């Protein structure tokens, strides 16, 4: 019976975590809601969004009939996630703080805090699954493939996976909202949060300028010709088309410009025109690789990979070296970006883990 088991649910104020808490309560667990405040800052309109979210958490927990608490992890977040985020951007890379937040906060200090409250498990509103087999814990894709979030959990350890429950693993998003409405949860129709957690809906470039001062410079084509001015190479991503302000340049081929590369040392933003082959790579090297449930005995094998969230699985060949993982693509891939994560999957929808994309090769 589940009566003896206590689960602390990470409550965000959104509908997914709310329904997760409700489902666990209905299953007979002793449920505690815990709201994490990871970022202390007001939005552009002067409103502290964390305060609003916590009000929703309180209303939901009162409706469900569970106790709730709030805990401040902003210093942990600053030290473990945001500092890495800024460091990667200064190198000209594009990091994924959501992956780090899961490993370093939600399944780090949050898990420790939950256990200190007497919890047996934590739970979140992530769309993914955990399965145990022969003492090993496997991370799998959720039933709702359009919402699957296993990509963001690729860095979790066996211990972390052993302590988490994902109540939404076999539920479609539409059903989640229906459950919330049927149980009179105040956030049943609340809009899903988008973007990076500590930026929210604000302009990303404006936010980044507050921490990394802009250093304008030249935008050049592949022949070195200056075609415009940029606001700072750190603010652009590979493949980016919008915001370049060079669309009307004379002498071009009439096609849209896109970011091809960034030269941080020379402060140059390198662009090209059209959908040519220059942005398509053939392989990559990943570092800081975390295998789930463990490193395979085979050092070379075929599987599938995602190079960004929501991307369809791509067939790849993996070669495990001593200090890195080399991944070759069966089909060339567009705009594979250093700093992002490459995440591996097998045919049975198991997440095999992931690592940081360190180098990309175009030969």
Protein backbone atom coordinates (compact mmCIF):
# COMPACT_ATOMS: atom_id res chain seq x y z
CA UNK A 1 0.00 0.00 0.00
CA UNK A 2 1.13 3.59 -0.66
CA UNK A 3 -0.14 5.02 2.65
CA UNK A 4 3.31 4.72 4.17
CA UNK A 5 5.03 6.51 1.30
CA UNK A 6 5.53 10.27 1.24
CA UNK A 7 6.06 12.15 -2.02
CA UNK A 8 7.17 15.77 -2.26
CA UNK A 9 5.95 17.28 -5.52
CA UNK A 10 7.84 20.13 -7.15
CA UNK A 11 5.04 22.65 -7.66
CA UNK A 12 5.63 25.38 -10.26
CA UNK A 13 2.20 26.98 -10.33
CA UNK A 14 1.49 25.28 -13.66
CA UNK A 15 -1.12 22.69 -14.52
CA UNK A 16 1.30 19.78 -15.02
CA UNK A 17 2.71 19.77 -11.49
CA UNK A 18 -0.76 20.45 -10.07
CA UNK A 19 -2.27 17.40 -11.74
CA UNK A 20 0.78 15.34 -10.75
CA UNK A 21 0.10 16.16 -7.09
CA UNK A 22 -3.60 15.36 -7.52
CA UNK A 23 -2.90 11.97 -9.12
CA UNK A 24 -0.49 10.96 -6.37
CA UNK A 25 -3.01 11.98 -3.70
CA UNK A 26 -5.64 9.85 -5.43
CA UNK A 27 -3.21 6.93 -5.54
CA UNK A 28 -2.91 6.99 -1.77
CA UNK A 29 0.44 8.68 -1.27
CA UNK A 30 1.01 11.27 1.44
CA UNK A 31 1.68 14.29 -0.76
CA UNK A 32 3.47 17.53 0.09
CA UNK A 33 3.69 20.45 -2.34
CA UNK A 34 7.01 22.30 -2.49
CA UNK A 35 7.45 25.50 -4.49
CA UNK A 36 10.98 26.38 -5.57
CA UNK A 37 12.04 30.00 -5.91
CA UNK A 38 15.13 29.80 -8.11
CA UNK A 39 15.33 33.34 -9.43
CA UNK A 40 14.71 36.60 -7.57
CA UNK A 41 13.81 39.29 -10.05
CA UNK A 42 10.78 41.18 -11.25
CA UNK A 43 9.55 41.14 -14.84
CA UNK A 44 9.62 44.24 -17.05
CA UNK A 45 6.21 45.32 -15.75
CA UNK A 46 7.45 45.20 -12.14
CA UNK A 47 5.65 42.01 -11.19
CA UNK A 48 7.47 39.20 -9.41
CA UNK A 49 6.26 36.18 -11.35
CA UNK A 50 7.39 33.82 -8.59
CA UNK A 51 4.92 35.50 -6.23
CA UNK A 52 2.07 34.97 -8.68
CA UNK A 53 3.04 31.36 -9.26
CA UNK A 54 3.23 30.65 -5.55
CA UNK A 55 -0.30 32.05 -5.10
CA UNK A 56 -1.47 29.51 -7.70
CA UNK A 57 0.41 26.75 -5.84
CA UNK A 58 -1.32 27.66 -2.59
CA UNK A 59 -4.76 27.66 -4.22
CA UNK A 60 -4.12 24.31 -5.92
CA UNK A 61 -2.81 22.65 -2.77
CA UNK A 62 -5.76 23.91 -0.75
CA UNK A 63 -8.14 22.50 -3.36
CA UNK A 64 -6.37 19.13 -3.40
CA UNK A 65 -6.04 19.12 0.37
CA UNK A 66 -2.27 18.81 0.80
CA UNK A 67 0.27 20.84 2.80
CA UNK A 68 2.63 23.12 0.92
CA UNK A 69 5.90 24.92 1.52
CA UNK A 70 8.18 27.32 -0.32
CA UNK A 71 11.97 27.04 -0.45
CA UNK A 72 14.51 29.46 -1.89
CA UNK A 73 17.23 27.93 -4.04
CA UNK A 74 18.24 31.17 -5.78
CA UNK A 75 21.84 31.08 -4.51
CA UNK A 76 22.21 27.43 -5.55
CA UNK A 77 20.80 28.35 -8.94
CA UNK A 78 23.15 31.29 -9.31
CA UNK A 79 26.20 29.18 -8.43
CA UNK A 80 25.34 25.93 -10.21
CA UNK A 81 23.34 26.99 -13.27
CA UNK A 82 23.44 30.69 -14.09
CA UNK A 83 27.21 31.04 -13.68
CA UNK A 84 27.69 28.17 -16.16
CA UNK A 85 25.13 29.77 -18.48
CA UNK A 86 27.07 33.06 -18.58
CA UNK A 87 30.44 31.32 -18.92
CA UNK A 88 29.23 29.36 -21.95
CA UNK A 89 27.81 32.46 -23.64
CA UNK A 90 31.09 34.32 -23.13
CA UNK A 91 32.78 31.48 -25.04
CA UNK A 92 30.39 32.02 -27.93
CA UNK A 93 28.41 28.85 -27.21
CA UNK A 94 24.68 28.38 -26.69
CA UNK A 95 24.02 26.57 -23.39
CA UNK A 96 20.89 24.79 -22.22
CA UNK A 97 20.25 25.88 -18.61
CA UNK A 98 17.09 23.76 -18.33
CA UNK A 99 19.18 20.57 -18.46
CA UNK A 100 21.53 21.92 -15.80
CA UNK A 101 18.61 23.07 -13.65
CA UNK A 102 17.21 19.54 -13.57
CA UNK A 103 20.52 17.96 -12.62
CA UNK A 104 21.81 20.65 -10.26
CA UNK A 105 18.63 21.99 -8.61
CA UNK A 106 15.46 19.92 -9.04
CA UNK A 107 17.30 16.65 -8.50
CA UNK A 108 19.99 18.18 -6.28
CA UNK A 109 19.13 20.57 -3.41
CA UNK A 110 15.41 20.04 -4.04
CA UNK A 111 15.75 16.27 -3.66
CA UNK A 112 17.90 16.69 -0.54
CA UNK A 113 15.38 19.09 0.98
CA UNK A 114 12.49 16.75 0.20
CA UNK A 115 14.28 13.85 1.88
CA UNK A 116 14.90 16.04 4.93
CA UNK A 117 11.11 16.47 5.15
CA UNK A 118 10.78 12.68 5.38
CA UNK A 119 9.96 12.03 1.73
CA UNK A 120 10.45 8.63 0.13
CA UNK A 121 10.26 10.13 -3.36
CA UNK A 122 10.00 13.40 -5.22
CA UNK A 123 7.68 13.95 -8.18
CA UNK A 124 7.58 16.49 -10.98
CA UNK A 125 5.27 17.36 -13.84
CA UNK A 126 7.75 16.22 -16.49
CA UNK A 127 6.41 14.16 -19.38
CA UNK A 128 8.65 11.08 -19.29
CA UNK A 129 8.91 7.66 -17.64
CA UNK A 130 11.19 5.81 -15.25
CA UNK A 131 11.30 2.01 -15.34
CA UNK A 132 13.25 -0.26 -13.03
CA UNK A 133 14.67 -3.53 -14.32
CA UNK A 134 17.21 -5.77 -12.57
CA UNK A 135 18.12 -3.00 -10.15
CA UNK A 136 18.77 -0.48 -12.93
CA UNK A 137 16.66 2.60 -13.60
CA UNK A 138 15.81 3.50 -17.19
CA UNK A 139 14.57 6.85 -18.48
CA UNK A 140 11.98 6.47 -21.24
CA UNK A 141 9.93 8.72 -23.48
CA UNK A 142 6.44 9.72 -22.36
CA UNK A 143 3.25 8.50 -24.01
CA UNK A 144 2.59 12.03 -25.31
CA UNK A 145 5.50 12.31 -27.75
CA UNK A 146 4.66 15.93 -28.55
CA UNK A 147 5.36 16.83 -24.90
CA UNK A 148 8.11 14.31 -24.08
CA UNK A 149 10.76 15.96 -21.87
CA UNK A 150 13.27 13.14 -21.47
CA UNK A 151 15.70 15.32 -23.46
CA UNK A 152 15.98 17.71 -20.50
CA UNK A 153 16.66 14.87 -18.03
CA UNK A 154 19.58 13.29 -19.87
CA UNK A 155 22.06 14.15 -17.09
CA UNK A 156 20.28 12.37 -14.23
CA UNK A 157 22.11 9.72 -12.22
CA UNK A 158 20.84 6.31 -11.15
CA UNK A 159 20.29 7.60 -7.62
CA UNK A 160 18.28 10.59 -8.85
CA UNK A 161 16.14 8.40 -11.11
CA UNK A 162 15.54 5.96 -8.24
CA UNK A 163 13.96 8.73 -6.18
CA UNK A 164 11.53 10.26 -8.69
CA UNK A 165 7.98 9.56 -9.82
CA UNK A 166 6.59 11.01 -13.05
CA UNK A 167 2.77 10.83 -12.70
CA UNK A 168 2.18 12.16 -16.24
CA UNK A 169 4.21 9.45 -17.98
CA UNK A 170 1.17 7.85 -19.64
CA UNK A 171 -1.17 10.83 -19.92
CA UNK A 172 -1.73 13.12 -22.89
CA UNK A 173 -1.52 16.87 -22.29
CA UNK A 174 -5.16 17.36 -23.31
CA UNK A 175 -6.18 14.83 -20.68
CA UNK A 176 -4.10 16.65 -18.05
CA UNK A 177 -6.06 19.86 -18.61
CA UNK A 178 -9.32 17.91 -18.55
CA UNK A 179 -8.41 16.36 -15.19
CA UNK A 180 -7.56 19.80 -13.83
CA UNK A 181 -10.90 21.23 -14.94
CA UNK A 182 -12.87 18.29 -13.53
CA UNK A 183 -11.20 18.84 -10.16
CA UNK A 184 -11.63 22.63 -10.15
CA UNK A 185 -7.91 23.43 -10.18
CA UNK A 186 -7.45 27.16 -10.65
CA UNK A 187 -4.68 26.74 -13.25
CA UNK A 188 -6.52 24.30 -15.52
CA UNK A 189 -6.26 26.71 -18.45
CA UNK A 190 -3.06 28.48 -17.42
CA UNK A 191 -0.70 29.04 -20.32
CA UNK A 192 2.36 26.78 -20.40
CA UNK A 193 5.59 28.57 -19.50
CA UNK A 194 8.00 28.98 -22.39
CA UNK A 195 11.63 29.90 -22.80
CA UNK A 196 14.39 29.76 -20.23
CA UNK A 197 13.07 29.59 -16.69
CA UNK A 198 14.84 32.69 -15.35
CA UNK A 199 14.01 34.83 -18.38
CA UNK A 200 10.40 33.86 -18.94
CA UNK A 201 8.62 35.85 -21.61
CA UNK A 202 11.08 38.75 -21.66
CA UNK A 203 13.31 39.71 -24.58
CA UNK A 204 16.31 37.39 -24.39
CA UNK A 205 18.86 39.75 -25.91
CA UNK A 206 17.81 42.57 -23.57
CA UNK A 207 18.15 40.22 -20.60
CA UNK A 208 21.60 38.99 -21.61
CA UNK A 209 22.90 42.54 -22.07
CA UNK A 210 22.34 43.12 -18.35
CA UNK A 211 25.03 40.52 -17.59
CA UNK A 212 27.30 40.51 -20.65
CA UNK A 213 27.91 44.04 -22.02
CA UNK A 214 27.36 44.43 -25.74
CA UNK A 215 30.40 44.76 -27.99
CA UNK A 216 29.26 45.66 -31.47
CA UNK A 217 31.26 44.59 -34.52
CA UNK A 218 31.15 43.61 -38.16
CA UNK A 219 28.90 41.10 -39.84
CA UNK A 220 30.87 39.50 -42.67
CA UNK A 221 30.07 37.05 -45.43
CA UNK A 222 32.12 33.93 -46.15
CA UNK A 223 34.52 35.96 -48.31
CA UNK A 224 35.20 38.41 -45.49
CA UNK A 225 33.16 41.26 -46.95
CA UNK A 226 31.45 43.46 -44.35
CA UNK A 227 27.67 43.31 -44.89
CA UNK A 228 26.41 44.86 -41.67
CA UNK A 229 26.90 45.48 -37.96
CA UNK A 230 26.05 43.17 -35.06
CA UNK A 231 25.21 44.07 -31.45
CA UNK A 232 27.53 41.44 -29.99
CA UNK A 233 28.36 38.00 -31.38
CA UNK A 234 27.32 36.35 -28.11
CA UNK A 235 23.69 37.27 -28.71
CA UNK A 236 23.30 35.27 -31.92
CA UNK A 237 22.81 31.56 -32.55
CA UNK A 238 23.84 29.35 -35.48
CA UNK A 239 21.19 29.26 -38.18
CA UNK A 240 19.51 32.43 -36.91
CA UNK A 241 17.71 34.40 -39.62
CA UNK A 242 15.76 37.07 -37.78
CA UNK A 243 17.26 40.22 -36.31
CA UNK A 244 20.28 40.47 -38.61
CA UNK A 245 19.03 43.65 -40.34
CA UNK A 246 20.95 42.98 -43.55
CA UNK A 247 18.11 41.72 -45.73
CA UNK A 248 18.24 44.65 -48.13
CA UNK A 249 21.97 44.55 -48.82
CA UNK A 250 22.76 45.05 -52.49
CA UNK A 251 24.98 42.62 -54.32
CA UNK A 252 23.59 39.53 -52.62
CA UNK A 253 21.78 36.66 -54.29
CA UNK A 254 18.38 37.78 -53.03
CA UNK A 255 18.00 34.92 -50.56
CA UNK A 256 17.74 35.25 -46.79
CA UNK A 257 20.85 35.65 -44.69
CA UNK A 258 21.55 33.37 -41.75
CA UNK A 259 24.25 33.04 -39.10
CA UNK A 260 26.89 30.56 -40.22
CA UNK A 261 29.53 30.96 -37.49
CA UNK A 262 30.82 33.22 -34.73
CA UNK A 263 34.44 34.33 -34.32
CA UNK A 264 34.51 35.45 -30.68
CA UNK A 265 38.21 36.43 -30.68
CA UNK A 266 37.86 38.72 -33.70
CA UNK A 267 34.31 39.76 -32.75
CA UNK A 268 32.95 38.80 -36.17
CA UNK A 269 29.53 37.41 -36.99
CA UNK A 270 29.84 35.26 -40.11
CA UNK A 271 26.76 34.94 -42.30
CA UNK A 272 25.72 33.29 -45.54
CA UNK A 273 22.77 33.42 -47.91
CA UNK A 274 20.31 30.75 -48.93
CA UNK A 275 19.89 27.18 -47.67
CA UNK A 276 23.29 26.02 -48.83
CA UNK A 277 25.33 23.15 -47.48
CA UNK A 278 27.60 25.23 -45.26
CA UNK A 279 25.46 24.87 -42.14
CA UNK A 280 25.06 21.09 -42.43
CA UNK A 281 27.49 19.03 -40.36
CA UNK A 282 28.47 15.36 -40.47
CA UNK A 283 29.54 14.56 -36.91
CA UNK A 284 30.29 15.96 -33.46
CA UNK A 285 32.26 15.41 -30.29
CA UNK A 286 30.39 15.50 -26.99
CA UNK A 287 31.91 15.86 -23.53
CA UNK A 288 30.61 15.43 -19.96
CA UNK A 289 28.61 12.48 -21.22
CA UNK A 290 26.16 10.84 -18.81
CA UNK A 291 25.04 7.34 -19.79
CA UNK A 292 21.73 5.88 -18.58
CA UNK A 293 21.62 3.42 -16.89
CA UNK A 294 25.38 2.91 -17.39
CA UNK A 295 28.06 3.15 -20.05
CA UNK A 296 27.45 0.47 -22.71
CA UNK A 297 29.92 -2.40 -22.97
CA UNK A 298 29.98 -1.84 -26.72
CA UNK A 299 32.18 1.12 -27.55
CA UNK A 300 30.68 1.50 -31.02
CA UNK A 301 26.98 1.17 -31.86
CA UNK A 302 24.09 2.64 -33.82
CA UNK A 303 21.18 4.41 -32.16
CA UNK A 304 19.15 7.61 -32.50
CA UNK A 305 19.89 11.15 -31.35
CA UNK A 306 18.33 14.55 -30.79
CA UNK A 307 20.50 17.65 -31.10
CA UNK A 308 17.77 19.97 -29.82
CA UNK A 309 14.43 19.61 -28.06
CA UNK A 310 11.44 18.56 -30.23
CA UNK A 311 13.71 17.43 -33.05
CA UNK A 312 12.71 14.07 -34.61
CA UNK A 313 15.11 11.24 -33.79
CA UNK A 314 18.09 11.05 -36.16
CA UNK A 315 20.04 7.84 -36.80
CA UNK A 316 23.67 8.06 -35.70
CA UNK A 317 26.77 5.96 -35.06
CA UNK A 318 28.29 6.37 -31.59
CA UNK A 319 31.94 5.78 -30.73
CA UNK A 320 32.87 6.00 -27.05
CA UNK A 321 36.40 7.27 -26.46
CA UNK A 322 38.22 7.74 -23.16
CA UNK A 323 37.34 11.40 -22.56
CA UNK A 324 34.63 12.10 -25.12
CA UNK A 325 31.99 10.57 -27.35
CA UNK A 326 32.17 10.87 -31.15
CA UNK A 327 28.81 10.81 -32.92
CA UNK A 328 28.57 10.52 -36.70
CA UNK A 329 25.32 11.32 -38.51
CA UNK A 330 23.77 9.08 -41.16
CA UNK A 331 22.18 12.23 -42.60
CA UNK A 332 23.88 15.62 -42.36
CA UNK A 333 22.31 17.88 -39.73
CA UNK A 334 21.56 21.60 -39.84
CA UNK A 335 22.82 24.06 -37.22
CA UNK A 336 24.13 21.60 -34.64
CA UNK A 337 25.20 24.02 -31.93
CA UNK A 338 28.12 23.80 -29.45
CA UNK A 339 26.93 24.19 -25.87
CA UNK A 340 23.65 22.39 -26.51
CA UNK A 341 23.10 18.73 -25.57
CA UNK A 342 23.06 15.69 -27.82
CA UNK A 343 20.77 13.05 -26.33
CA UNK A 344 20.72 9.39 -27.39
CA UNK A 345 17.80 6.95 -27.65
CA UNK A 346 17.35 3.31 -28.62
CA UNK A 347 14.55 1.71 -30.63
CA UNK A 348 12.61 0.95 -27.45
CA UNK A 349 12.41 4.65 -26.54
CA UNK A 350 14.94 4.40 -23.74
CA UNK A 351 17.02 7.54 -23.23
CA UNK A 352 20.63 6.35 -23.23
CA UNK A 353 21.92 9.64 -21.80
CA UNK A 354 23.52 12.72 -23.26
CA UNK A 355 26.45 15.12 -23.29
CA UNK A 356 27.43 18.67 -24.17
CA UNK A 357 28.15 19.29 -27.85
CA UNK A 358 31.76 20.48 -27.82
CA UNK A 359 32.89 20.39 -31.47
CA UNK A 360 31.05 20.05 -34.77
CA UNK A 361 32.61 18.73 -38.00
CA UNK A 362 31.55 19.58 -41.55
CA UNK A 363 33.69 17.19 -43.62
